[in-house]
Amino acid sequence: METSKKDLQFFVILTYVGFYIALGLCLVIVALGVSMESMSKYAPLIVSWVSLAVLMIWAKRLLKGSSRKGFLKGLFAEKLSIKWILISIIIPSVIFAITVFVLSLVDKKPIGELINLNFASYPLMFITHLLMGPTAEEPGWRGYFFTQVSAKRGILKGSFITGLVWGLWHTPLWLMEGLSYLNLLIYAISFMGAVIGVSIVMGYIFGNHRNLIYCTIIHLLFNFLTGLIIIDQHRLVFVIVINAVLYLLVAGIMILINRTDPTGCI
C-alpha cells in the first residue's frame, strides 16, 4: 500500500475538519443543557474516533491496494513479544511513578493524597480511556499516517511529523481546560513536547515490531495513569511539564540506541 502526499494531506484535512464537526456537535449538546464539565470529560470519547472513521469511509482512496479488513489485520502482523509488552507497560508506568513522586515533593503532600484511590472507579475509567484514545486513534495516526510518512522519511522524522500533526489535532481540547493565558501557553508547549516524545517512543517500537498492541498499551497507560492524579489547574500544567520532560528523555534514549545499533534491536 503506497499513499501519495496528496492522499496524506487529504487524510489530515478531513480528520481535522471531522474533529471540529464532532466537537461542534458536543457544544450543541452543551447548549441543550449538559454541563461543560461533563462534556469536557466525554467529548474526547466522541471526537477521538474521527481519524479511524475518515480512514474507513475513504478507504478506497487512502488504502490503495488493500481492503479495510486487510489493513486492520496488517496492523497486528507481527507475533506479540512478552518483552515488548513489558516494555510498553514499564515506560508509562515508571514515568507515572516519577511524576507522582516529584509532585509529592513539590506539593509536600503524601502520594496517597495526590492519587484517586477510589478503586471501584478504575474499571469504568480504564474502559473509557481504552475507547477514548488508543483504540480509536492508533489505527489512523500510527497504523496509517506514521506508516506512510516513515516509509518515505524514516522512523525518526515520521514519528516527529506524526507527533506534530497528531498533537495539534488536540488543540480545541486545550481550550476546554479553562486555563489562564500563561498556563495555557505552558500547557500547550508541554503537551506538544509530551506528544512528540511518546510519538517517537511508539514510532520506534511499532516501526521495528509491527503490532499496534504495543502502541495501544502505551497510549492507554499514558491516559489512564495520568487520569488517576487528582488535578487542579496548577497541578495539571505541572504534570504535563513533567511528562514532556520524561517522554522526551525516553525518546532521546531510543534515538541514541537506534543510531548506535542500526540492526533494529529497538
C-alpha atoms as a PDB file:
ATOM      1  CA  MET A   1       0.000   0.000   0.000  1.00  0.00           C
ATOM      2  CA  GLU A   2       1.597   3.247  -1.181  1.00  0.00           C
ATOM      3  CA  THR A   3      -0.025   6.583  -0.450  1.00  0.00           C
ATOM      4  CA  SER A   4       0.703   9.856  -2.215  1.00  0.00           C
ATOM      5  CA  LYS A   5       1.435  13.146  -0.484  1.00  0.00           C
ATOM      6  CA  LYS A   6      -1.954  14.449  -1.635  1.00  0.00           C
ATOM      7  CA  ASP A   7      -3.714  11.479  -0.031  1.00  0.00           C
ATOM      8  CA  LEU A   8      -1.902  12.074   3.254  1.00  0.00           C
ATOM      9  CA  GLN A   9      -2.915  15.732   3.141  1.00  0.00           C
ATOM     10  CA  PHE A  10      -6.462  14.620   2.332  1.00  0.00           C
ATOM     11  CA  PHE A  11      -6.469  12.355   5.404  1.00  0.00           C
ATOM     12  CA  VAL A  12      -5.125  15.097   7.708  1.00  0.00           C
ATOM     13  CA  ILE A  13      -7.518  17.786   6.435  1.00  0.00           C
ATOM     14  CA  LEU A  14     -10.592  15.561   6.715  1.00  0.00           C
ATOM     15  CA  THR A  15      -9.524  14.356  10.158  1.00  0.00           C
ATOM     16  CA  TYR A  16      -9.155  17.944  11.372  1.00  0.00           C
ATOM     17  CA  VAL A  17     -12.455  19.008   9.781  1.00  0.00           C
ATOM     18  CA  GLY A  18     -14.219  15.954  11.192  1.00  0.00           C
ATOM     19  CA  PHE A  19     -12.795  16.754  14.611  1.00  0.00           C
ATOM     20  CA  TYR A  20     -14.257  20.265  14.551  1.00  0.00           C
ATOM     21  CA  ILE A  21     -17.620  18.976  13.349  1.00  0.00           C
ATOM     22  CA  ALA A  22     -17.734  16.370  16.134  1.00  0.00           C
ATOM     23  CA  LEU A  23     -16.670  18.959  18.681  1.00  0.00           C
ATOM     24  CA  GLY A  24     -19.345  21.319  17.375  1.00  0.00           C
ATOM     25  CA  LEU A  25     -21.966  18.637  17.956  1.00  0.00           C
ATOM     26  CA  CYS A  26     -20.680  18.286  21.530  1.00  0.00           C
ATOM     27  CA  LEU A  27     -21.113  22.026  22.051  1.00  0.00           C
ATOM     28  CA  VAL A  28     -24.671  21.780  20.716  1.00  0.00           C
ATOM     29  CA  ILE A  29     -25.312  19.132  23.361  1.00  0.00           C
ATOM     30  CA  VAL A  30     -23.942  21.545  25.985  1.00  0.00           C
ATOM     31  CA  ALA A  31     -26.302  24.236  24.670  1.00  0.00           C
ATOM     32  CA  LEU A  32     -29.170  21.786  25.187  1.00  0.00           C
ATOM     33  CA  GLY A  33     -28.410  21.542  28.886  1.00  0.00           C
ATOM     34  CA  VAL A  34     -25.478  19.185  29.504  1.00  0.00           C
ATOM     35  CA  SER A  35     -22.813  20.816  31.696  1.00  0.00           C
ATOM     36  CA  MET A  36     -19.492  21.805  30.123  1.00  0.00           C
ATOM     37  CA  GLU A  37     -17.680  19.922  32.892  1.00  0.00           C
ATOM     38  CA  SER A  38     -19.402  16.680  31.929  1.00  0.00           C
ATOM     39  CA  MET A  39     -18.915  17.280  28.222  1.00  0.00           C
ATOM     40  CA  SER A  40     -15.193  18.027  28.677  1.00  0.00           C
ATOM     41  CA  LYS A  41     -14.847  14.506  30.084  1.00  0.00           C
ATOM     42  CA  TYR A  42     -16.751  12.734  27.332  1.00  0.00           C
ATOM     43  CA  ALA A  43     -16.081  14.906  24.272  1.00  0.00           C
ATOM     44  CA  PRO A  44     -12.715  13.154  23.689  1.00  0.00           C
ATOM     45  CA  LEU A  45     -14.569   9.836  23.662  1.00  0.00           C
ATOM     46  CA  ILE A  46     -16.635  11.108  20.728  1.00  0.00           C
ATOM     47  CA  VAL A  47     -14.070  13.052  18.716  1.00  0.00           C
ATOM     48  CA  SER A  48     -11.217  10.549  19.035  1.00  0.00           C
ATOM     49  CA  TRP A  49     -12.902   8.189  16.552  1.00  0.00           C
ATOM     50  CA  VAL A  50     -12.729  10.740  13.724  1.00  0.00           C
ATOM     51  CA  SER A  51      -9.366   9.623  12.290  1.00  0.00           C
ATOM     52  CA  LEU A  52     -10.433   5.984  12.047  1.00  0.00           C
ATOM     53  CA  ALA A  53     -13.818   6.981  10.614  1.00  0.00           C
ATOM     54  CA  VAL A  54     -12.104   9.026   7.878  1.00  0.00           C
ATOM     55  CA  LEU A  55      -9.818   6.114   7.069  1.00  0.00           C
ATOM     56  CA  MET A  56     -12.667   3.636   6.821  1.00  0.00           C
ATOM     57  CA  ILE A  57     -15.056   5.898   4.873  1.00  0.00           C
ATOM     58  CA  TRP A  58     -12.424   6.902   2.311  1.00  0.00           C
ATOM     59  CA  ALA A  59     -10.661   3.527   2.320  1.00  0.00           C
ATOM     60  CA  LYS A  60     -10.841   3.172  -1.468  1.00  0.00           C
ATOM     61  CA  ARG A  61      -8.682   6.288  -1.900  1.00  0.00           C
ATOM     62  CA  LEU A  62      -6.464   6.043   1.177  1.00  0.00           C
ATOM     63  CA  LEU A  63      -5.879   2.289   1.378  1.00  0.00           C
ATOM     64  CA  LYS A  64      -4.823   1.682  -2.207  1.00  0.00           C
ATOM     65  CA  GLY A  65      -4.195  -1.989  -2.856  1.00  0.00           C
ATOM     66  CA  SER A  66      -5.631  -3.045   0.486  1.00  0.00           C
ATOM     67  CA  SER A  67      -9.093  -3.730   1.845  1.00  0.00           C
ATOM     68  CA  ARG A  68     -10.299  -2.360   5.163  1.00  0.00           C
ATOM     69  CA  LYS A  69     -10.005  -5.823   6.695  1.00  0.00           C
ATOM     70  CA  GLY A  70      -6.559  -6.356   5.184  1.00  0.00           C
ATOM     71  CA  PHE A  71      -5.312  -3.021   6.505  1.00  0.00           C
ATOM     72  CA  LEU A  72      -6.590  -3.639  10.037  1.00  0.00           C
ATOM     73  CA  LYS A  73      -5.177  -7.168  10.023  1.00  0.00           C
ATOM     74  CA  GLY A  74      -1.796  -5.831   8.898  1.00  0.00           C
ATOM     75  CA  LEU A  75      -1.589  -3.608  11.978  1.00  0.00           C
ATOM     76  CA  PHE A  76      -1.048  -6.745  14.051  1.00  0.00           C
ATOM     77  CA  ALA A  77       1.159  -8.616  11.568  1.00  0.00           C
ATOM     78  CA  GLU A  78       3.986  -9.489  13.948  1.00  0.00           C
ATOM     79  CA  LYS A  79       3.545 -12.011  16.735  1.00  0.00           C
ATOM     80  CA  LEU A  80       3.364 -10.370  20.155  1.00  0.00           C
ATOM     81  CA  SER A  81       6.507 -10.469  22.265  1.00  0.00           C
ATOM     82  CA  ILE A  82       6.369 -10.646  26.063  1.00  0.00           C
ATOM     83  CA  LYS A  83       9.490  -8.479  26.136  1.00  0.00           C
ATOM     84  CA  TRP A  84       7.865  -5.639  24.201  1.00  0.00           C
ATOM     85  CA  ILE A  85       4.582  -5.946  26.071  1.00  0.00           C
ATOM     86  CA  LEU A  86       6.519  -5.467  29.309  1.00  0.00           C
ATOM     87  CA  ILE A  87       8.488  -2.544  27.872  1.00  0.00           C
ATOM     88  CA  SER A  88       5.233  -0.946  26.711  1.00  0.00           C
ATOM     89  CA  ILE A  89       3.850  -1.281  30.250  1.00  0.00           C
ATOM     90  CA  ILE A  90       7.020  -0.238  32.079  1.00  0.00           C
ATOM     91  CA  ILE A  91       7.704   3.024  30.198  1.00  0.00           C
ATOM     92  CA  PRO A  92       4.436   4.844  31.038  1.00  0.00           C
ATOM     93  CA  SER A  93       4.247   3.233  34.482  1.00  0.00           C
ATOM     94  CA  VAL A  94       7.716   4.418  35.519  1.00  0.00           C
ATOM     95  CA  ILE A  95       7.030   7.894  34.123  1.00  0.00           C
ATOM     96  CA  PHE A  96       3.784   7.994  36.120  1.00  0.00           C
ATOM     97  CA  ALA A  97       5.596   6.932  39.290  1.00  0.00           C
ATOM     98  CA  ILE A  98       8.299   9.587  38.835  1.00  0.00           C
ATOM     99  CA  THR A  99       5.669  12.241  38.076  1.00  0.00           C
ATOM    100  CA  VAL A 100       3.713  11.482  41.252  1.00  0.00           C
ATOM    101  CA  PHE A 101       6.909  11.340  43.317  1.00  0.00           C
ATOM    102  CA  VAL A 102       8.063  14.747  42.038  1.00  0.00           C
ATOM    103  CA  LEU A 103       4.583  16.182  42.555  1.00  0.00           C
ATOM    104  CA  SER A 104       4.602  14.854  46.117  1.00  0.00           C
ATOM    105  CA  LEU A 105       7.923  16.566  46.822  1.00  0.00           C
ATOM    106  CA  VAL A 106       6.837  19.882  45.310  1.00  0.00           C
ATOM    107  CA  ASP A 107       3.396  19.955  46.969  1.00  0.00           C
ATOM    108  CA  LYS A 108       4.784  18.464  50.209  1.00  0.00           C
ATOM    109  CA  LYS A 109       1.891  16.027  50.319  1.00  0.00           C
ATOM    110  CA  PRO A 110       1.815  12.244  50.720  1.00  0.00           C
ATOM    111  CA  ILE A 111       1.335  10.351  47.484  1.00  0.00           C
ATOM    112  CA  GLY A 112      -1.977   8.984  48.755  1.00  0.00           C
ATOM    113  CA  GLU A 113      -3.456  12.489  48.662  1.00  0.00           C
ATOM    114  CA  LEU A 114      -2.411  13.015  45.046  1.00  0.00           C
ATOM    115  CA  ILE A 115      -3.943   9.890  43.525  1.00  0.00           C
ATOM    116  CA  ASN A 116      -7.544   8.802  43.151  1.00  0.00           C
ATOM    117  CA  LEU A 117      -7.786   5.802  45.494  1.00  0.00           C
ATOM    118  CA  ASN A 118     -11.402   5.039  44.657  1.00  0.00           C
ATOM    119  CA  PHE A 119     -10.538   1.648  43.191  1.00  0.00           C
ATOM    120  CA  ALA A 120     -14.176   0.931  42.338  1.00  0.00           C
ATOM    121  CA  SER A 121     -13.980   3.685  39.697  1.00  0.00           C
ATOM    122  CA  TYR A 122     -10.962   2.139  37.961  1.00  0.00           C
ATOM    123  CA  PRO A 123     -12.756  -0.368  35.671  1.00  0.00           C
ATOM    124  CA  LEU A 124     -15.001   2.298  34.107  1.00  0.00           C
ATOM    125  CA  MET A 125     -12.058   4.707  33.807  1.00  0.00           C
ATOM    126  CA  PHE A 126      -9.964   2.004  32.176  1.00  0.00           C
ATOM    127  CA  ILE A 127     -12.642   1.128  29.624  1.00  0.00           C
ATOM    128  CA  THR A 128     -13.339   4.802  28.897  1.00  0.00           C
ATOM    129  CA  HIS A 129      -9.662   5.551  28.309  1.00  0.00           C
ATOM    130  CA  LEU A 130      -9.289   2.435  26.171  1.00  0.00           C
ATOM    131  CA  LEU A 131     -12.120   3.551  23.894  1.00  0.00           C
ATOM    132  CA  MET A 132     -11.242   7.252  24.038  1.00  0.00           C
ATOM    133  CA  GLY A 133      -7.643   7.190  22.823  1.00  0.00           C
ATOM    134  CA  PRO A 134      -5.709   4.109  21.790  1.00  0.00           C
ATOM    135  CA  THR A 135      -8.450   2.018  20.194  1.00  0.00           C
ATOM    136  CA  ALA A 136      -9.811   4.970  18.233  1.00  0.00           C
ATOM    137  CA  GLU A 137      -6.677   6.940  17.363  1.00  0.00           C
ATOM    138  CA  GLU A 138      -3.849   4.456  16.905  1.00  0.00           C
ATOM    139  CA  PRO A 139      -5.061   2.751  13.683  1.00  0.00           C
ATOM    140  CA  GLY A 140      -5.318   6.093  11.897  1.00  0.00           C
ATOM    141  CA  TRP A 141      -2.369   8.026  13.288  1.00  0.00           C
ATOM    142  CA  ARG A 142       0.164   5.261  13.891  1.00  0.00           C
ATOM    143  CA  GLY A 143      -1.138   2.487  11.672  1.00  0.00           C
ATOM    144  CA  TYR A 144      -1.787   4.668   8.633  1.00  0.00           C
ATOM    145  CA  PHE A 145      -0.244   8.145   8.812  1.00  0.00           C
ATOM    146  CA  PHE A 146       3.001   7.239  10.600  1.00  0.00           C
ATOM    147  CA  THR A 147       3.480   4.127   8.472  1.00  0.00           C
ATOM    148  CA  GLN A 148       3.203   6.110   5.254  1.00  0.00           C
ATOM    149  CA  VAL A 149       5.351   9.040   6.353  1.00  0.00           C
ATOM    150  CA  SER A 150       8.068   6.864   7.924  1.00  0.00           C
ATOM    151  CA  ALA A 151       8.259   4.737   4.765  1.00  0.00           C
ATOM    152  CA  LYS A 152       9.429   7.859   2.912  1.00  0.00           C
ATOM    153  CA  ARG A 153      11.300   9.769   5.641  1.00  0.00           C
ATOM    154  CA  GLY A 154      12.404   7.181   8.167  1.00  0.00           C
ATOM    155  CA  ILE A 155      11.176   6.348  11.654  1.00  0.00           C
ATOM    156  CA  LEU A 156      12.510   9.430  13.461  1.00  0.00           C
ATOM    157  CA  LYS A 157      11.185  12.026  11.010  1.00  0.00           C
ATOM    158  CA  GLY A 158       7.981  10.030  10.585  1.00  0.00           C
ATOM    159  CA  SER A 159       7.481   9.935  14.352  1.00  0.00           C
ATOM    160  CA  PHE A 160       8.179  13.656  14.724  1.00  0.00           C
ATOM    161  CA  ILE A 161       5.808  14.660  11.907  1.00  0.00           C
ATOM    162  CA  THR A 162       3.116  12.323  13.213  1.00  0.00           C
ATOM    163  CA  GLY A 163       3.519  13.695  16.740  1.00  0.00           C
ATOM    164  CA  LEU A 164       3.305  17.269  15.483  1.00  0.00           C
ATOM    165  CA  VAL A 165       0.183  16.739  13.355  1.00  0.00           C
ATOM    166  CA  TRP A 166      -1.451  14.451  15.913  1.00  0.00           C
ATOM    167  CA  GLY A 167      -0.670  16.836  18.786  1.00  0.00           C
ATOM    168  CA  LEU A 168      -2.030  19.943  17.063  1.00  0.00           C
ATOM    169  CA  TRP A 169      -5.176  17.957  16.265  1.00  0.00           C
ATOM    170  CA  HIS A 170      -5.933  18.136  20.004  1.00  0.00           C
ATOM    171  CA  THR A 171      -5.766  21.956  20.089  1.00  0.00           C
ATOM    172  CA  PRO A 172      -9.509  22.616  20.688  1.00  0.00           C
ATOM    173  CA  LEU A 173      -9.426  20.328  23.730  1.00  0.00           C
ATOM    174  CA  TRP A 174      -6.751  22.535  25.323  1.00  0.00           C
ATOM    175  CA  LEU A 175      -9.197  25.430  25.330  1.00  0.00           C
ATOM    176  CA  MET A 176     -11.735  23.321  27.226  1.00  0.00           C
ATOM    177  CA  GLU A 177      -9.369  23.064  30.222  1.00  0.00           C
ATOM    178  CA  GLY A 178     -10.242  26.631  31.292  1.00  0.00           C
ATOM    179  CA  LEU A 179      -6.611  27.643  31.851  1.00  0.00           C
ATOM    180  CA  SER A 180      -5.327  31.209  32.150  1.00  0.00           C
ATOM    181  CA  TYR A 181      -3.340  32.567  29.201  1.00  0.00           C
ATOM    182  CA  LEU A 182       0.086  31.872  30.709  1.00  0.00           C
ATOM    183  CA  ASN A 183      -0.871  28.405  31.942  1.00  0.00           C
ATOM    184  CA  LEU A 184      -2.458  27.646  28.579  1.00  0.00           C
ATOM    185  CA  LEU A 185       0.769  28.589  26.793  1.00  0.00           C
ATOM    186  CA  ILE A 186       2.877  26.413  29.117  1.00  0.00           C
ATOM    187  CA  TYR A 187       0.339  23.594  28.818  1.00  0.00           C
ATOM    188  CA  ALA A 188       0.290  23.783  25.002  1.00  0.00           C
ATOM    189  CA  ILE A 189       4.084  23.709  24.674  1.00  0.00           C
ATOM    190  CA  SER A 190       4.426  20.897  27.224  1.00  0.00           C
ATOM    191  CA  PHE A 191       1.574  18.923  25.672  1.00  0.00           C
ATOM    192  CA  MET A 192       3.267  19.062  22.284  1.00  0.00           C
ATOM    193  CA  GLY A 193       6.555  18.014  23.857  1.00  0.00           C
ATOM    194  CA  ALA A 194       4.936  15.044  25.588  1.00  0.00           C
ATOM    195  CA  VAL A 195       3.031  14.011  22.442  1.00  0.00           C
ATOM    196  CA  ILE A 196       6.103  14.237  20.216  1.00  0.00           C
ATOM    197  CA  GLY A 197       8.108  12.303  22.826  1.00  0.00           C
ATOM    198  CA  VAL A 198       5.570   9.499  23.111  1.00  0.00           C
ATOM    199  CA  SER A 199       5.150   9.506  19.308  1.00  0.00           C
ATOM    200  CA  ILE A 200       8.879   8.865  18.890  1.00  0.00           C
ATOM    201  CA  VAL A 201       8.788   6.108  21.514  1.00  0.00           C
ATOM    202  CA  MET A 202       5.809   4.406  19.852  1.00  0.00           C
ATOM    203  CA  GLY A 203       7.270   5.042  16.395  1.00  0.00           C
ATOM    204  CA  TYR A 204      10.479   3.136  17.104  1.00  0.00           C
ATOM    205  CA  ILE A 205       8.609   0.265  18.715  1.00  0.00           C
ATOM    206  CA  PHE A 206       5.915  -0.006  16.032  1.00  0.00           C
ATOM    207  CA  GLY A 207       8.348   0.726  13.211  1.00  0.00           C
ATOM    208  CA  ASN A 208      10.503  -2.246  14.184  1.00  0.00           C
ATOM    209  CA  HIS A 209       7.829  -4.533  15.648  1.00  0.00           C
ATOM    210  CA  ARG A 210       4.673  -4.361  13.582  1.00  0.00           C
ATOM    211  CA  ASN A 211       1.992  -4.884  16.163  1.00  0.00           C
ATOM    212  CA  LEU A 212      -0.246  -1.987  17.211  1.00  0.00           C
ATOM    213  CA  ILE A 213      -0.906  -3.602  20.594  1.00  0.00           C
ATOM    214  CA  TYR A 214       2.337  -2.067  21.899  1.00  0.00           C
ATOM    215  CA  CYS A 215       1.245   1.453  20.943  1.00  0.00           C
ATOM    216  CA  THR A 216      -2.223   0.772  22.314  1.00  0.00           C
ATOM    217  CA  ILE A 217      -0.763  -0.197  25.701  1.00  0.00           C
ATOM    218  CA  ILE A 218       1.486   2.876  25.890  1.00  0.00           C
ATOM    219  CA  HIS A 219      -1.288   5.249  24.802  1.00  0.00           C
ATOM    220  CA  LEU A 220      -3.778   3.650  27.187  1.00  0.00           C
ATOM    221  CA  LEU A 221      -1.497   3.795  30.216  1.00  0.00           C
ATOM    222  CA  PHE A 222      -0.391   7.342  29.372  1.00  0.00           C
ATOM    223  CA  ASN A 223      -4.037   8.477  29.538  1.00  0.00           C
ATOM    224  CA  PHE A 224      -5.279   6.180  32.300  1.00  0.00           C
ATOM    225  CA  LEU A 225      -2.446   6.724  34.775  1.00  0.00           C
ATOM    226  CA  THR A 226      -2.467  10.490  34.253  1.00  0.00           C
ATOM    227  CA  GLY A 227      -6.210  10.367  34.900  1.00  0.00           C
ATOM    228  CA  LEU A 228      -5.545   8.868  38.349  1.00  0.00           C
ATOM    229  CA  ILE A 229      -3.796  12.027  39.520  1.00  0.00           C
ATOM    230  CA  ILE A 230      -6.095  14.401  41.409  1.00  0.00           C
ATOM    231  CA  ILE A 231      -5.673  17.530  39.330  1.00  0.00           C
ATOM    232  CA  ASP A 232      -6.413  21.218  39.671  1.00  0.00           C
ATOM    233  CA  GLN A 233      -5.247  23.749  37.062  1.00  0.00           C
ATOM    234  CA  HIS A 234      -1.836  24.268  38.669  1.00  0.00           C
ATOM    235  CA  ARG A 235      -1.215  20.555  39.046  1.00  0.00           C
ATOM    236  CA  LEU A 236      -2.460  19.789  35.514  1.00  0.00           C
ATOM    237  CA  VAL A 237       0.134  22.090  33.946  1.00  0.00           C
ATOM    238  CA  PHE A 238       2.896  20.776  36.218  1.00  0.00           C
ATOM    239  CA  VAL A 239       2.047  17.148  35.389  1.00  0.00           C
ATOM    240  CA  ILE A 240       2.157  17.840  31.653  1.00  0.00           C
ATOM    241  CA  VAL A 241       5.514  19.594  32.015  1.00  0.00           C
ATOM    242  CA  ILE A 242       6.988  16.583  33.847  1.00  0.00           C
ATOM    243  CA  ASN A 243       5.512  14.184  31.289  1.00  0.00           C
ATOM    244  CA  ALA A 244       7.030  16.207  28.451  1.00  0.00           C
ATOM    245  CA  VAL A 245      10.499  16.122  30.016  1.00  0.00           C
ATOM    246  CA  LEU A 246      10.371  12.398  30.778  1.00  0.00           C
ATOM    247  CA  TYR A 247       8.894  11.216  27.471  1.00  0.00           C
ATOM    248  CA  LEU A 248      11.364  13.349  25.520  1.00  0.00           C
ATOM    249  CA  LEU A 249      14.141  11.836  27.635  1.00  0.00           C
ATOM    250  CA  VAL A 250      12.985   8.293  26.825  1.00  0.00           C
ATOM    251  CA  ALA A 251      12.626   9.286  23.169  1.00  0.00           C
ATOM    252  CA  GLY A 252      16.203  10.581  23.198  1.00  0.00           C
ATOM    253  CA  ILE A 253      17.444   7.296  24.643  1.00  0.00           C
ATOM    254  CA  MET A 254      15.638   5.360  21.904  1.00  0.00           C
ATOM    255  CA  ILE A 255      17.125   7.597  19.221  1.00  0.00           C
ATOM    256  CA  LEU A 256      20.647   7.024  20.594  1.00  0.00           C
ATOM    257  CA  ILE A 257      20.163   3.267  20.847  1.00  0.00           C
ATOM    258  CA  ASN A 258      18.924   3.020  17.284  1.00  0.00           C
ATOM    259  CA  ARG A 259      21.789   5.132  15.980  1.00  0.00           C
ATOM    260  CA  THR A 260      24.418   3.003  17.728  1.00  0.00           C
ATOM    261  CA  ASP A 261      22.644  -0.265  16.877  1.00  0.00           C
ATOM    262  CA  PRO A 262      21.025   0.093  13.439  1.00  0.00           C
ATOM    263  CA  THR A 263      20.216  -3.622  13.293  1.00  0.00           C
ATOM    264  CA  GLY A 264      16.799  -2.937  14.777  1.00  0.00           C
ATOM    265  CA  CYS A 265      17.031  -4.242  18.367  1.00  0.00           C
ATOM    266  CA  ILE A 266      14.586  -1.479  19.288  1.00  0.00           C
END
